[in-house]
All heavy atoms as atom14 arrays in JSON, in Angstrom:
{
  "sequence": "WGGALSDRLGPSPALRFGTLAGGLGTLGVLLAPN",
  "atom14_mask": [
    [1, 1, 1, 1, 1, 1, 1, 1, 1, 1, 1, 1, 1, 1],
    [1, 1, 1, 1, 0, 0, 0, 0, 0, 0, 0, 0, 0, 0],
    [1, 1, 1, 1, 0, 0, 0, 0, 0, 0, 0, 0, 0, 0],
    [1, 1, 1, 1, 1, 0, 0, 0, 0, 0, 0, 0, 0, 0],
    [1, 1, 1, 1, 1, 1, 1, 1, 0, 0, 0, 0, 0, 0],
    [1, 1, 1, 1, 1, 1, 0, 0, 0, 0, 0, 0, 0, 0],
    [1, 1, 1, 1, 1, 1, 1, 1, 0, 0, 0, 0, 0, 0],
    [1, 1, 1, 1, 1, 1, 1, 1, 1, 1, 1, 0, 0, 0],
    [1, 1, 1, 1, 1, 1, 1, 1, 0, 0, 0, 0, 0, 0],
    [1, 1, 1, 1, 0, 0, 0, 0, 0, 0, 0, 0, 0, 0],
    [1, 1, 1, 1, 1, 1, 1, 0, 0, 0, 0, 0, 0, 0],
    [1, 1, 1, 1, 1, 1, 0, 0, 0, 0, 0, 0, 0, 0],
    [1, 1, 1, 1, 1, 1, 1, 0, 0, 0, 0, 0, 0, 0],
    [1, 1, 1, 1, 1, 0, 0, 0, 0, 0, 0, 0, 0, 0],
    [1, 1, 1, 1, 1, 1, 1, 1, 0, 0, 0, 0, 0, 0],
    [1, 1, 1, 1, 1, 1, 1, 1, 1, 1, 1, 0, 0, 0],
    [1, 1, 1, 1, 1, 1, 1, 1, 1, 1, 1, 0, 0, 0],
    [1, 1, 1, 1, 0, 0, 0, 0, 0, 0, 0, 0, 0, 0],
    [1, 1, 1, 1, 1, 1, 1, 0, 0, 0, 0, 0, 0, 0],
    [1, 1, 1, 1, 1, 1, 1, 1, 0, 0, 0, 0, 0, 0],
    [1, 1, 1, 1, 1, 0, 0, 0, 0, 0, 0, 0, 0, 0],
    [1, 1, 1, 1, 0, 0, 0, 0, 0, 0, 0, 0, 0, 0],
    [1, 1, 1, 1, 0, 0, 0, 0, 0, 0, 0, 0, 0, 0],
    [1, 1, 1, 1, 1, 1, 1, 1, 0, 0, 0, 0, 0, 0],
    [1, 1, 1, 1, 0, 0, 0, 0, 0, 0, 0, 0, 0, 0],
    [1, 1, 1, 1, 1, 1, 1, 0, 0, 0, 0, 0, 0, 0],
    [1, 1, 1, 1, 1, 1, 1, 1, 0, 0, 0, 0, 0, 0],
    [1, 1, 1, 1, 0, 0, 0, 0, 0, 0, 0, 0, 0, 0],
    [1, 1, 1, 1, 1, 1, 1, 0, 0, 0, 0, 0, 0, 0],
    [1, 1, 1, 1, 1, 1, 1, 1, 0, 0, 0, 0, 0, 0],
    [1, 1, 1, 1, 1, 1, 1, 1, 0, 0, 0, 0, 0, 0],
    [1, 1, 1, 1, 1, 0, 0, 0, 0, 0, 0, 0, 0, 0],
    [1, 1, 1, 1, 1, 1, 1, 0, 0, 0, 0, 0, 0, 0],
    [1, 1, 1, 1, 1, 1, 1, 1, 0, 0, 0, 0, 0, 0]
  ],
  "atom14_positions": [
    [[-51.13, 5.03, 175.04], [-50.93, 4.97, 173.6], [-51.46, 6.2, 172.93], [-50.86, 6.77, 171.99], [-51.64, 3.71, 173.02], [-51.69, 3.67, 171.54], [-50.71, 3.32, 170.7], [-52.83, 4.09, 170.72], [-51.13, 3.42, 169.42], [-52.41, 3.92, 169.4], [-54.11, 4.54, 171.02], [-53.29, 4.22, 168.33], [-54.98, 4.84, 169.98], [-54.53, 4.68, 168.63]],
    [[-52.61, 6.7, 173.4], [-53.18, 7.96, 172.86], [-52.24, 9.15, 173.04], [-52.1, 10.0, 172.13], [0.0, 0.0, 0.0], [0.0, 0.0, 0.0], [0.0, 0.0, 0.0], [0.0, 0.0, 0.0], [0.0, 0.0, 0.0], [0.0, 0.0, 0.0], [0.0, 0.0, 0.0], [0.0, 0.0, 0.0], [0.0, 0.0, 0.0], [0.0, 0.0, 0.0]],
    [[-51.59, 9.23, 174.16], [-50.62, 10.27, 174.41], [-49.42, 10.13, 173.48], [-48.9, 11.13, 172.93], [0.0, 0.0, 0.0], [0.0, 0.0, 0.0], [0.0, 0.0, 0.0], [0.0, 0.0, 0.0], [0.0, 0.0, 0.0], [0.0, 0.0, 0.0], [0.0, 0.0, 0.0], [0.0, 0.0, 0.0], [0.0, 0.0, 0.0], [0.0, 0.0, 0.0]],
    [[-48.95, 8.9, 173.28], [-47.84, 8.63, 172.37], [-48.24, 9.01, 170.92], [-47.43, 9.55, 170.17], [-47.38, 7.21, 172.43], [0.0, 0.0, 0.0], [0.0, 0.0, 0.0], [0.0, 0.0, 0.0], [0.0, 0.0, 0.0], [0.0, 0.0, 0.0], [0.0, 0.0, 0.0], [0.0, 0.0, 0.0], [0.0, 0.0, 0.0], [0.0, 0.0, 0.0]],
    [[-49.45, 8.72, 170.54], [-49.97, 9.06, 169.22], [-49.97, 10.57, 169.04], [-49.56, 11.1, 167.98], [-51.4, 8.49, 169.01], [-51.98, 8.73, 167.62], [-51.25, 7.91, 166.57], [-53.45, 8.38, 167.66], [0.0, 0.0, 0.0], [0.0, 0.0, 0.0], [0.0, 0.0, 0.0], [0.0, 0.0, 0.0], [0.0, 0.0, 0.0], [0.0, 0.0, 0.0]],
    [[-50.41, 11.28, 170.06], [-50.42, 12.73, 170.0], [-48.99, 13.26, 169.89], [-48.75, 14.22, 169.11], [-51.08, 13.32, 171.27], [-51.08, 14.7, 171.26], [0.0, 0.0, 0.0], [0.0, 0.0, 0.0], [0.0, 0.0, 0.0], [0.0, 0.0, 0.0], [0.0, 0.0, 0.0], [0.0, 0.0, 0.0], [0.0, 0.0, 0.0], [0.0, 0.0, 0.0]],
    [[-48.05, 12.67, 170.62], [-46.63, 13.13, 170.52], [-46.1, 12.82, 169.12], [-45.37, 13.63, 168.58], [-45.79, 12.33, 171.53], [-46.03, 12.82, 172.99], [-46.6, 13.88, 173.16], [-45.59, 12.02, 173.87], [0.0, 0.0, 0.0], [0.0, 0.0, 0.0], [0.0, 0.0, 0.0], [0.0, 0.0, 0.0], [0.0, 0.0, 0.0], [0.0, 0.0, 0.0]],
    [[-46.48, 11.74, 168.55], [-45.97, 11.36, 167.2], [-46.63, 12.19, 166.08], [-45.94, 12.66, 165.2], [-46.21, 9.89, 166.99], [-45.45, 9.3, 165.78], [-45.45, 7.77, 165.73], [-46.71, 7.12, 165.96], [-47.06, 6.51, 167.1], [-46.25, 6.48, 168.13], [-48.23, 5.92, 167.2], [0.0, 0.0, 0.0], [0.0, 0.0, 0.0], [0.0, 0.0, 0.0]],
    [[-47.94, 12.35, 166.11], [-48.68, 13.01, 165.03], [-48.83, 14.5, 165.24], [-48.99, 15.24, 164.28], [-50.08, 12.4, 164.86], [-50.18, 10.94, 164.53], [-51.67, 10.54, 164.41], [-49.44, 10.64, 163.2], [0.0, 0.0, 0.0], [0.0, 0.0, 0.0], [0.0, 0.0, 0.0], [0.0, 0.0, 0.0], [0.0, 0.0, 0.0], [0.0, 0.0, 0.0]],
    [[-48.81, 14.92, 166.48], [-49.17, 16.28, 166.87], [-50.62, 16.27, 167.39], [-51.42, 15.38, 167.07], [0.0, 0.0, 0.0], [0.0, 0.0, 0.0], [0.0, 0.0, 0.0], [0.0, 0.0, 0.0], [0.0, 0.0, 0.0], [0.0, 0.0, 0.0], [0.0, 0.0, 0.0], [0.0, 0.0, 0.0], [0.0, 0.0, 0.0], [0.0, 0.0, 0.0]],
    [[-50.98, 17.25, 168.19], [-52.28, 17.23, 168.85], [-53.45, 17.38, 167.9], [-54.48, 16.69, 168.08], [-52.22, 18.38, 169.84], [-51.14, 19.28, 169.38], [-50.16, 18.38, 168.67], [0.0, 0.0, 0.0], [0.0, 0.0, 0.0], [0.0, 0.0, 0.0], [0.0, 0.0, 0.0], [0.0, 0.0, 0.0], [0.0, 0.0, 0.0], [0.0, 0.0, 0.0]],
    [[-53.34, 18.19, 166.84], [-54.5, 18.37, 165.96], [-54.81, 17.07, 165.2], [-55.98, 16.64, 165.18], [-54.29, 19.51, 165.0], [-54.4, 20.74, 165.67], [0.0, 0.0, 0.0], [0.0, 0.0, 0.0], [0.0, 0.0, 0.0], [0.0, 0.0, 0.0], [0.0, 0.0, 0.0], [0.0, 0.0, 0.0], [0.0, 0.0, 0.0], [0.0, 0.0, 0.0]],
    [[-53.87, 16.42, 164.53], [-54.21, 15.15, 163.85], [-54.7, 14.1, 164.82], [-55.62, 13.3, 164.53], [-52.89, 14.72, 163.2], [-52.08, 15.98, 163.07], [-52.46, 16.85, 164.22], [0.0, 0.0, 0.0], [0.0, 0.0, 0.0], [0.0, 0.0, 0.0], [0.0, 0.0, 0.0], [0.0, 0.0, 0.0], [0.0, 0.0, 0.0], [0.0, 0.0, 0.0]],
    [[-54.09, 14.04, 166.03], [-54.56, 13.06, 167.0], [-56.0, 13.38, 167.43], [-56.81, 12.43, 167.58], [-53.62, 13.06, 168.23], [0.0, 0.0, 0.0], [0.0, 0.0, 0.0], [0.0, 0.0, 0.0], [0.0, 0.0, 0.0], [0.0, 0.0, 0.0], [0.0, 0.0, 0.0], [0.0, 0.0, 0.0], [0.0, 0.0, 0.0], [0.0, 0.0, 0.0]],
    [[-56.3, 14.65, 167.63], [-57.71, 15.01, 168.0], [-58.67, 14.68, 166.89], [-59.79, 14.27, 167.14], [-57.78, 16.48, 168.36], [-57.26, 16.87, 169.72], [-57.34, 18.37, 169.93], [-58.06, 16.14, 170.83], [0.0, 0.0, 0.0], [0.0, 0.0, 0.0], [0.0, 0.0, 0.0], [0.0, 0.0, 0.0], [0.0, 0.0, 0.0], [0.0, 0.0, 0.0]],
    [[-58.25, 14.87, 165.65], [-59.13, 14.48, 164.54], [-59.39, 12.98, 164.56], [-60.53, 12.53, 164.4], [-58.55, 14.91, 163.2], [-58.76, 16.4, 162.92], [-58.44, 16.77, 161.48], [-57.04, 16.73, 161.18], [-56.16, 17.7, 161.49], [-56.54, 18.78, 162.07], [-54.86, 17.56, 161.17], [0.0, 0.0, 0.0], [0.0, 0.0, 0.0], [0.0, 0.0, 0.0]],
    [[-58.33, 12.19, 164.76], [-58.48, 10.72, 164.85], [-59.41, 10.35, 166.02], [-60.32, 9.56, 165.87], [-57.11, 10.07, 165.01], [-57.19, 8.61, 165.25], [-57.34, 7.73, 164.18], [-57.09, 8.09, 166.54], [-57.42, 6.33, 164.42], [-57.18, 6.72, 166.78], [-57.34, 5.86, 165.71], [0.0, 0.0, 0.0], [0.0, 0.0, 0.0], [0.0, 0.0, 0.0]],
    [[-59.11, 10.92, 167.18], [-59.93, 10.58, 168.36], [-61.4, 10.97, 168.22], [-62.29, 10.23, 168.63], [0.0, 0.0, 0.0], [0.0, 0.0, 0.0], [0.0, 0.0, 0.0], [0.0, 0.0, 0.0], [0.0, 0.0, 0.0], [0.0, 0.0, 0.0], [0.0, 0.0, 0.0], [0.0, 0.0, 0.0], [0.0, 0.0, 0.0], [0.0, 0.0, 0.0]],
    [[-61.63, 12.17, 167.66], [-62.98, 12.64, 167.49], [-63.7, 11.78, 166.45], [-64.92, 11.51, 166.59], [-62.99, 14.13, 167.13], [-62.31, 14.82, 168.18], [-64.39, 14.69, 167.0], [0.0, 0.0, 0.0], [0.0, 0.0, 0.0], [0.0, 0.0, 0.0], [0.0, 0.0, 0.0], [0.0, 0.0, 0.0], [0.0, 0.0, 0.0], [0.0, 0.0, 0.0]],
    [[-63.01, 11.4, 165.41], [-63.6, 10.49, 164.41], [-63.98, 9.16, 165.05], [-65.07, 8.64, 164.84], [-62.63, 10.25, 163.25], [-63.13, 9.33, 162.14], [-64.34, 9.89, 161.47], [-61.99, 9.12, 161.13], [0.0, 0.0, 0.0], [0.0, 0.0, 0.0], [0.0, 0.0, 0.0], [0.0, 0.0, 0.0], [0.0, 0.0, 0.0], [0.0, 0.0, 0.0]],
    [[-63.1, 8.63, 165.89], [-63.44, 7.37, 166.58], [-64.64, 7.52, 167.48], [-65.52, 6.67, 167.55], [-62.19, 6.88, 167.4], [0.0, 0.0, 0.0], [0.0, 0.0, 0.0], [0.0, 0.0, 0.0], [0.0, 0.0, 0.0], [0.0, 0.0, 0.0], [0.0, 0.0, 0.0], [0.0, 0.0, 0.0], [0.0, 0.0, 0.0], [0.0, 0.0, 0.0]],
    [[-64.72, 8.66, 168.22], [-65.87, 8.88, 169.09], [-67.14, 8.98, 168.23], [-68.19, 8.48, 168.62], [0.0, 0.0, 0.0], [0.0, 0.0, 0.0], [0.0, 0.0, 0.0], [0.0, 0.0, 0.0], [0.0, 0.0, 0.0], [0.0, 0.0, 0.0], [0.0, 0.0, 0.0], [0.0, 0.0, 0.0], [0.0, 0.0, 0.0], [0.0, 0.0, 0.0]],
    [[-67.06, 9.7, 167.12], [-68.24, 9.84, 166.24], [-68.66, 8.48, 165.66], [-69.84, 8.2, 165.56], [0.0, 0.0, 0.0], [0.0, 0.0, 0.0], [0.0, 0.0, 0.0], [0.0, 0.0, 0.0], [0.0, 0.0, 0.0], [0.0, 0.0, 0.0], [0.0, 0.0, 0.0], [0.0, 0.0, 0.0], [0.0, 0.0, 0.0], [0.0, 0.0, 0.0]],
    [[-67.69, 7.69, 165.23], [-68.02, 6.36, 164.68], [-68.62, 5.46, 165.76], [-69.55, 4.72, 165.5], [-66.75, 5.7, 164.11], [-66.23, 6.33, 162.83], [-64.92, 5.68, 162.41], [-67.26, 6.21, 161.69], [0.0, 0.0, 0.0], [0.0, 0.0, 0.0], [0.0, 0.0, 0.0], [0.0, 0.0, 0.0], [0.0, 0.0, 0.0], [0.0, 0.0, 0.0]],
    [[-68.11, 5.54, 167.0], [-68.7, 4.81, 168.1], [-70.16, 5.25, 168.33], [-71.02, 4.42, 168.6], [0.0, 0.0, 0.0], [0.0, 0.0, 0.0], [0.0, 0.0, 0.0], [0.0, 0.0, 0.0], [0.0, 0.0, 0.0], [0.0, 0.0, 0.0], [0.0, 0.0, 0.0], [0.0, 0.0, 0.0], [0.0, 0.0, 0.0], [0.0, 0.0, 0.0]],
    [[-70.39, 6.51, 168.3], [-71.73, 7.05, 168.46], [-72.66, 6.53, 167.37], [-73.76, 6.05, 167.66], [-71.71, 8.62, 168.43], [-70.87, 9.1, 169.47], [-73.1, 9.19, 168.57], [0.0, 0.0, 0.0], [0.0, 0.0, 0.0], [0.0, 0.0, 0.0], [0.0, 0.0, 0.0], [0.0, 0.0, 0.0], [0.0, 0.0, 0.0], [0.0, 0.0, 0.0]],
    [[-72.22, 6.59, 166.14], [-73.04, 6.05, 165.02], [-73.23, 4.55, 165.18], [-74.3, 4.03, 164.82], [-72.39, 6.4, 163.68], [-72.45, 7.86, 163.26], [-71.62, 8.09, 161.99], [-73.89, 8.33, 163.08], [0.0, 0.0, 0.0], [0.0, 0.0, 0.0], [0.0, 0.0, 0.0], [0.0, 0.0, 0.0], [0.0, 0.0, 0.0], [0.0, 0.0, 0.0]],
    [[-72.21, 3.89, 165.66], [-72.31, 2.45, 165.87], [-73.42, 2.06, 166.85], [-74.21, 1.15, 166.63], [0.0, 0.0, 0.0], [0.0, 0.0, 0.0], [0.0, 0.0, 0.0], [0.0, 0.0, 0.0], [0.0, 0.0, 0.0], [0.0, 0.0, 0.0], [0.0, 0.0, 0.0], [0.0, 0.0, 0.0], [0.0, 0.0, 0.0], [0.0, 0.0, 0.0]],
    [[-73.49, 2.8, 167.95], [-74.58, 2.55, 168.92], [-75.92, 2.91, 168.27], [-76.89, 2.14, 168.38], [-74.36, 3.35, 170.23], [-75.57, 3.23, 171.12], [-73.08, 2.94, 170.93], [0.0, 0.0, 0.0], [0.0, 0.0, 0.0], [0.0, 0.0, 0.0], [0.0, 0.0, 0.0], [0.0, 0.0, 0.0], [0.0, 0.0, 0.0], [0.0, 0.0, 0.0]],
    [[-75.96, 4.03, 167.59], [-77.21, 4.44, 166.95], [-77.75, 3.42, 165.98], [-78.96, 3.16, 165.91], [-77.0, 5.78, 166.21], [-78.15, 6.37, 165.42], [-79.3, 6.71, 166.33], [-77.67, 7.58, 164.65], [0.0, 0.0, 0.0], [0.0, 0.0, 0.0], [0.0, 0.0, 0.0], [0.0, 0.0, 0.0], [0.0, 0.0, 0.0], [0.0, 0.0, 0.0]],
    [[-76.88, 2.81, 165.22], [-77.29, 1.86, 164.15], [-77.18, 0.39, 164.53], [-77.42, -0.48, 163.7], [-76.41, 2.12, 162.9], [-76.49, 3.54, 162.33], [-75.48, 3.71, 161.21], [-77.9, 3.87, 161.87], [0.0, 0.0, 0.0], [0.0, 0.0, 0.0], [0.0, 0.0, 0.0], [0.0, 0.0, 0.0], [0.0, 0.0, 0.0], [0.0, 0.0, 0.0]],
    [[-76.86, 0.13, 165.79], [-76.61, -1.24, 166.24], [-77.86, -2.1, 166.08], [-78.96, -1.7, 166.5], [-76.14, -1.24, 167.69], [0.0, 0.0, 0.0], [0.0, 0.0, 0.0], [0.0, 0.0, 0.0], [0.0, 0.0, 0.0], [0.0, 0.0, 0.0], [0.0, 0.0, 0.0], [0.0, 0.0, 0.0], [0.0, 0.0, 0.0], [0.0, 0.0, 0.0]],
    [[-77.68, -3.31, 165.51], [-78.82, -4.23, 165.43], [-78.98, -5.09, 166.72], [-80.01, -5.73, 166.86], [-78.41, -5.12, 164.24], [-76.96, -5.14, 164.24], [-76.52, -3.78, 164.77], [0.0, 0.0, 0.0], [0.0, 0.0, 0.0], [0.0, 0.0, 0.0], [0.0, 0.0, 0.0], [0.0, 0.0, 0.0], [0.0, 0.0, 0.0], [0.0, 0.0, 0.0]],
    [[-77.92, -5.12, 167.57], [-78.0, -5.96, 168.8], [-77.04, -5.48, 169.84], [-76.19, -4.57, 169.57], [-77.71, -7.45, 168.4], [-76.38, -7.64, 167.76], [-75.35, -7.17, 168.23], [-76.39, -8.32, 166.61], [0.0, 0.0, 0.0], [0.0, 0.0, 0.0], [0.0, 0.0, 0.0], [0.0, 0.0, 0.0], [0.0, 0.0, 0.0], [0.0, 0.0, 0.0]]
  ]
}
C-alpha cells in the first residue's frame, strides 16, 4: 500500500506522510501513559 501511495502521490508527498507517521509514533511512545 505504501508503494501504491508513492505511485499515486509521488515520492516526496509520500515521504512527508511516512515521516510524519514515524514522528507521531515516536511522540506516541514518548508520551504514552501505558
